[in-house]
Amino acid sequence: MSQRVQFENIEEMRQNAGIDDIELRDAIRRLQVGDWVKLTVSINGSFPGDPLIIRITSIKGNLFRGKLAQPGRAARRAKLTTESVLTFTGEQIHSIPNRPRTKPLQKSK
């Protein structure tokens, strides 16, 4: 039996709880290809609890595509790899993590 992977609608969940996260909505509107986002994955209707970290590969309006940026427990349970293409909307974005930065190369003197 294949895994059915869906993403939780975080915006709807927050609104149902009376939370209006204006800052997150503004940040989602400013996202660009290459940015990272966190999504809460549902596998066959249950939530394992760990968010997926996705690197955005394309944006068309409120429709995003991306690939897994970091493997983790939820990704293994969903049988996702770094080559898996995932489609999601802004309402499904849980949060926007800071991407690890590499140190700039130092010139030798």
N, C-alpha and C. Protein backbone atom coordinates (compact mmCIF):
# COMPACT_ATOMS: atom_id res chain seq x y z
N MET A 1 0.84 -1.18 0.00
CA MET A 1 0.00 0.00 0.00
C MET A 1 0.88 1.25 0.00
N SER A 2 0.61 2.19 -0.91
CA SER A 2 1.44 3.39 -0.99
C SER A 2 1.04 4.39 0.09
N GLN A 3 2.00 5.21 0.46
CA GLN A 3 1.76 6.25 1.46
C GLN A 3 1.04 7.42 0.80
N ARG A 4 0.04 7.98 1.46
CA ARG A 4 -0.63 9.18 0.98
C ARG A 4 -0.13 10.34 1.83
N VAL A 5 0.60 11.26 1.20
CA VAL A 5 1.21 12.37 1.91
C VAL A 5 0.40 13.63 1.65
N GLN A 6 -0.01 14.31 2.72
CA GLN A 6 -0.71 15.58 2.64
C GLN A 6 -0.07 16.52 3.65
N PHE A 7 -0.35 17.81 3.47
CA PHE A 7 0.17 18.80 4.40
C PHE A 7 -0.98 19.45 5.16
N GLU A 8 -0.75 19.67 6.44
CA GLU A 8 -1.76 20.29 7.29
C GLU A 8 -1.97 21.74 6.88
N ASN A 9 -3.22 22.20 6.89
CA ASN A 9 -3.54 23.59 6.59
C ASN A 9 -3.35 24.39 7.88
N ILE A 10 -2.15 24.92 8.04
CA ILE A 10 -1.78 25.63 9.27
C ILE A 10 -2.57 26.93 9.43
N GLU A 11 -2.79 27.64 8.33
CA GLU A 11 -3.53 28.91 8.39
C GLU A 11 -4.94 28.67 8.94
N GLU A 12 -5.62 27.66 8.44
CA GLU A 12 -6.97 27.35 8.92
C GLU A 12 -6.94 26.95 10.39
N MET A 13 -5.96 26.15 10.77
CA MET A 13 -5.84 25.72 12.15
C MET A 13 -5.63 26.91 13.09
N ARG A 14 -4.77 27.85 12.68
CA ARG A 14 -4.52 29.04 13.51
C ARG A 14 -5.78 29.89 13.61
N GLN A 15 -6.46 30.09 12.49
CA GLN A 15 -7.68 30.91 12.52
C GLN A 15 -8.75 30.28 13.41
N ASN A 16 -8.88 28.96 13.37
CA ASN A 16 -9.84 28.27 14.24
C ASN A 16 -9.50 28.46 15.71
N ALA A 17 -8.22 28.65 16.01
CA ALA A 17 -7.77 28.87 17.39
C ALA A 17 -7.76 30.35 17.76
N GLY A 18 -8.19 31.22 16.81
CA GLY A 18 -8.22 32.66 17.09
C GLY A 18 -6.88 33.35 16.92
N ILE A 19 -5.96 32.70 16.21
CA ILE A 19 -4.62 33.27 16.00
C ILE A 19 -4.57 33.90 14.61
N ASP A 20 -4.17 35.17 14.54
CA ASP A 20 -4.03 35.88 13.27
C ASP A 20 -2.56 36.23 13.10
N ASP A 21 -1.82 35.39 12.38
CA ASP A 21 -0.37 35.56 12.24
C ASP A 21 -0.05 36.39 10.99
N ILE A 22 -0.18 37.69 11.14
CA ILE A 22 0.06 38.62 10.04
C ILE A 22 1.51 38.56 9.59
N GLU A 23 2.45 38.45 10.53
CA GLU A 23 3.88 38.43 10.19
C GLU A 23 4.21 37.23 9.31
N LEU A 24 3.65 36.06 9.62
CA LEU A 24 3.93 34.88 8.80
C LEU A 24 3.35 35.05 7.40
N ARG A 25 2.12 35.56 7.30
CA ARG A 25 1.54 35.77 5.97
C ARG A 25 2.38 36.74 5.14
N ASP A 26 2.88 37.81 5.77
CA ASP A 26 3.75 38.75 5.07
C ASP A 26 5.03 38.08 4.62
N ALA A 27 5.61 37.26 5.50
CA ALA A 27 6.86 36.55 5.16
C ALA A 27 6.62 35.57 4.01
N ILE A 28 5.47 34.91 3.99
CA ILE A 28 5.15 33.97 2.92
C ILE A 28 5.05 34.70 1.59
N ARG A 29 4.48 35.90 1.59
CA ARG A 29 4.39 36.68 0.35
C ARG A 29 5.76 37.08 -0.19
N ARG A 30 6.76 37.16 0.69
CA ARG A 30 8.11 37.57 0.27
C ARG A 30 9.02 36.38 -0.09
N LEU A 31 8.51 35.16 0.03
CA LEU A 31 9.34 33.98 -0.26
C LEU A 31 9.83 33.99 -1.70
N GLN A 32 11.02 33.43 -1.89
CA GLN A 32 11.62 33.33 -3.21
C GLN A 32 12.12 31.91 -3.42
N VAL A 33 12.35 31.56 -4.68
CA VAL A 33 12.95 30.27 -5.01
C VAL A 33 14.27 30.16 -4.25
N GLY A 34 14.50 29.01 -3.63
CA GLY A 34 15.71 28.78 -2.84
C GLY A 34 15.47 28.92 -1.34
N ASP A 35 14.41 29.64 -0.95
CA ASP A 35 14.10 29.78 0.48
C ASP A 35 13.61 28.44 1.03
N TRP A 36 13.70 28.30 2.34
CA TRP A 36 13.25 27.10 3.03
C TRP A 36 11.98 27.39 3.81
N VAL A 37 11.11 26.40 3.90
CA VAL A 37 9.89 26.49 4.70
C VAL A 37 9.70 25.18 5.46
N LYS A 38 8.90 25.25 6.52
CA LYS A 38 8.53 24.04 7.25
C LYS A 38 7.07 23.73 6.98
N LEU A 39 6.79 22.45 6.73
CA LEU A 39 5.43 21.96 6.51
C LEU A 39 5.18 20.80 7.47
N THR A 40 3.95 20.72 7.97
CA THR A 40 3.57 19.58 8.80
C THR A 40 2.92 18.55 7.90
N VAL A 41 3.50 17.37 7.85
CA VAL A 41 3.05 16.33 6.93
C VAL A 41 2.06 15.40 7.61
N SER A 42 1.07 14.97 6.85
CA SER A 42 0.12 13.95 7.28
C SER A 42 0.36 12.72 6.42
N ILE A 43 0.58 11.59 7.05
CA ILE A 43 0.82 10.35 6.33
C ILE A 43 -0.35 9.42 6.61
N ASN A 44 -1.10 9.11 5.57
CA ASN A 44 -2.29 8.28 5.70
C ASN A 44 -3.22 8.78 6.81
N GLY A 45 -3.34 10.13 6.92
CA GLY A 45 -4.29 10.72 7.86
C GLY A 45 -3.78 10.98 9.25
N SER A 46 -2.53 10.62 9.58
CA SER A 46 -2.01 10.91 10.91
C SER A 46 -0.78 11.80 10.81
N PHE A 47 -0.55 12.59 11.84
CA PHE A 47 0.57 13.52 11.85
C PHE A 47 1.68 12.98 12.75
N PRO A 48 2.87 12.73 12.20
CA PRO A 48 3.95 12.20 13.02
C PRO A 48 4.56 13.23 13.97
N GLY A 49 4.26 14.52 13.77
CA GLY A 49 4.74 15.53 14.70
C GLY A 49 5.96 16.31 14.26
N ASP A 50 6.80 15.73 13.44
CA ASP A 50 7.99 16.44 12.98
C ASP A 50 7.70 17.15 11.67
N PRO A 51 8.02 18.44 11.58
CA PRO A 51 7.80 19.12 10.30
C PRO A 51 8.86 18.73 9.28
N LEU A 52 8.51 18.89 8.02
CA LEU A 52 9.46 18.71 6.93
C LEU A 52 10.06 20.06 6.60
N ILE A 53 11.34 20.08 6.27
CA ILE A 53 11.97 21.31 5.81
C ILE A 53 12.13 21.18 4.30
N ILE A 54 11.50 22.12 3.58
CA ILE A 54 11.43 22.07 2.13
C ILE A 54 12.15 23.27 1.54
N ARG A 55 12.92 23.05 0.47
CA ARG A 55 13.56 24.13 -0.29
C ARG A 55 12.67 24.43 -1.48
N ILE A 56 12.22 25.67 -1.60
CA ILE A 56 11.31 26.07 -2.67
C ILE A 56 12.05 26.06 -4.01
N THR A 57 11.43 25.39 -5.01
CA THR A 57 12.02 25.33 -6.35
C THR A 57 11.22 26.13 -7.37
N SER A 58 9.94 26.42 -7.09
CA SER A 58 9.16 27.30 -7.98
C SER A 58 7.96 27.86 -7.21
N ILE A 59 7.53 29.04 -7.67
CA ILE A 59 6.39 29.72 -7.07
C ILE A 59 5.52 30.26 -8.20
N LYS A 60 4.23 29.94 -8.15
CA LYS A 60 3.25 30.49 -9.09
C LYS A 60 2.06 30.94 -8.26
N GLY A 61 2.00 32.24 -7.99
CA GLY A 61 0.94 32.76 -7.12
C GLY A 61 1.09 32.20 -5.72
N ASN A 62 0.06 31.50 -5.24
CA ASN A 62 0.10 30.89 -3.91
C ASN A 62 0.44 29.40 -3.97
N LEU A 63 0.86 28.93 -5.13
CA LEU A 63 1.23 27.53 -5.30
C LEU A 63 2.75 27.41 -5.34
N PHE A 64 3.27 26.59 -4.45
CA PHE A 64 4.71 26.40 -4.31
C PHE A 64 5.07 24.96 -4.68
N ARG A 65 6.26 24.80 -5.20
CA ARG A 65 6.86 23.48 -5.37
C ARG A 65 8.21 23.50 -4.69
N GLY A 66 8.59 22.34 -4.19
CA GLY A 66 9.88 22.28 -3.52
C GLY A 66 10.36 20.86 -3.36
N LYS A 67 11.57 20.76 -2.85
CA LYS A 67 12.19 19.46 -2.57
C LYS A 67 12.63 19.43 -1.12
N LEU A 68 12.68 18.25 -0.59
CA LEU A 68 13.11 18.05 0.79
C LEU A 68 14.52 18.62 0.98
N ALA A 69 14.68 19.51 1.96
CA ALA A 69 15.98 20.14 2.21
C ALA A 69 16.78 19.36 3.24
N GLN A 70 16.10 18.78 4.21
CA GLN A 70 16.77 18.02 5.26
C GLN A 70 15.97 16.77 5.57
N PRO A 71 16.62 15.61 5.53
CA PRO A 71 15.91 14.39 5.88
C PRO A 71 15.60 14.38 7.38
N GLY A 72 14.58 13.67 7.74
CA GLY A 72 14.19 13.57 9.15
C GLY A 72 13.22 12.42 9.31
N ARG A 73 12.74 12.25 10.52
CA ARG A 73 11.85 11.14 10.84
C ARG A 73 10.57 11.18 10.00
N ALA A 74 9.95 12.35 9.89
CA ALA A 74 8.71 12.46 9.10
C ALA A 74 8.97 12.14 7.63
N ALA A 75 10.10 12.58 7.10
CA ALA A 75 10.43 12.30 5.70
C ALA A 75 10.64 10.81 5.48
N ARG A 76 11.31 10.15 6.41
CA ARG A 76 11.52 8.70 6.29
C ARG A 76 10.19 7.96 6.35
N ARG A 77 9.30 8.37 7.25
CA ARG A 77 7.98 7.71 7.37
C ARG A 77 7.16 7.92 6.10
N ALA A 78 7.30 9.08 5.47
CA ALA A 78 6.55 9.37 4.25
C ALA A 78 7.25 8.83 3.00
N LYS A 79 8.43 8.22 3.21
CA LYS A 79 9.24 7.68 2.11
C LYS A 79 9.58 8.76 1.09
N LEU A 80 9.97 9.93 1.61
CA LEU A 80 10.39 11.04 0.76
C LEU A 80 11.90 11.10 0.71
N THR A 81 12.42 11.51 -0.42
CA THR A 81 13.86 11.69 -0.60
C THR A 81 14.11 13.14 -1.02
N THR A 82 15.36 13.51 -1.11
CA THR A 82 15.71 14.87 -1.54
C THR A 82 15.32 15.10 -3.00
N GLU A 83 14.94 14.06 -3.72
CA GLU A 83 14.50 14.21 -5.11
C GLU A 83 12.97 14.27 -5.23
N SER A 84 12.26 14.05 -4.14
CA SER A 84 10.80 14.10 -4.17
C SER A 84 10.35 15.54 -4.42
N VAL A 85 9.46 15.74 -5.40
CA VAL A 85 8.90 17.06 -5.68
C VAL A 85 7.59 17.18 -4.92
N LEU A 86 7.47 18.23 -4.13
CA LEU A 86 6.30 18.43 -3.28
C LEU A 86 5.59 19.72 -3.69
N THR A 87 4.27 19.68 -3.75
CA THR A 87 3.47 20.84 -4.10
C THR A 87 2.63 21.23 -2.89
N PHE A 88 2.59 22.53 -2.59
CA PHE A 88 1.88 23.00 -1.40
C PHE A 88 1.47 24.45 -1.61
N THR A 89 0.63 24.95 -0.70
CA THR A 89 0.17 26.33 -0.76
C THR A 89 0.71 27.12 0.43
N GLY A 90 0.55 28.43 0.37
CA GLY A 90 1.00 29.28 1.47
C GLY A 90 0.29 28.97 2.77
N GLU A 91 -0.97 28.53 2.68
CA GLU A 91 -1.73 28.21 3.89
C GLU A 91 -1.17 26.99 4.62
N GLN A 92 -0.37 26.20 3.93
CA GLN A 92 0.19 24.99 4.53
C GLN A 92 1.58 25.21 5.13
N ILE A 93 2.12 26.40 4.98
CA ILE A 93 3.46 26.69 5.52
C ILE A 93 3.35 26.91 7.02
N HIS A 94 4.07 26.09 7.75
CA HIS A 94 4.08 26.11 9.21
C HIS A 94 4.92 27.28 9.72
N SER A 95 6.11 27.43 9.15
CA SER A 95 7.02 28.50 9.55
C SER A 95 8.14 28.59 8.52
N ILE A 96 8.96 29.62 8.68
CA ILE A 96 10.08 29.84 7.76
C ILE A 96 11.36 29.82 8.59
N PRO A 97 12.12 28.72 8.50
CA PRO A 97 13.35 28.63 9.30
C PRO A 97 14.47 29.45 8.69
N ASN A 98 15.43 29.80 9.52
CA ASN A 98 16.65 30.41 8.99
C ASN A 98 17.47 29.32 8.34
N ARG A 99 17.92 29.59 7.15
CA ARG A 99 18.73 28.62 6.44
C ARG A 99 20.15 28.69 6.97
N PRO A 100 20.78 27.53 7.21
CA PRO A 100 22.17 27.56 7.68
C PRO A 100 23.05 28.28 6.66
N ARG A 101 23.87 29.14 7.13
CA ARG A 101 24.77 29.89 6.25
C ARG A 101 26.15 29.25 6.28
N THR A 102 26.80 29.25 5.14
CA THR A 102 28.17 28.76 5.10
C THR A 102 29.08 29.94 5.38
N LYS A 103 30.23 29.67 5.99
CA LYS A 103 31.18 30.72 6.28
C LYS A 103 31.80 31.20 4.97
N PRO A 104 31.98 32.53 4.83
CA PRO A 104 32.64 33.02 3.62
C PRO A 104 34.09 32.56 3.61
N LEU A 105 34.61 32.34 2.43
CA LEU A 105 35.99 31.92 2.31
C LEU A 105 36.92 33.06 2.70
N GLN A 106 37.91 32.74 3.48
CA GLN A 106 38.90 33.72 3.90
C GLN A 106 40.06 33.71 2.90
N LYS A 107 40.45 34.87 2.46
CA LYS A 107 41.62 34.94 1.58
C LYS A 107 42.86 34.80 2.42
N SER A 108 43.81 34.01 1.92
CA SER A 108 45.08 33.86 2.65
C SER A 108 45.94 35.09 2.39
N LYS A 109 46.67 35.47 3.42
CA LYS A 109 47.53 36.67 3.31
C LYS A 109 48.93 36.31 2.95
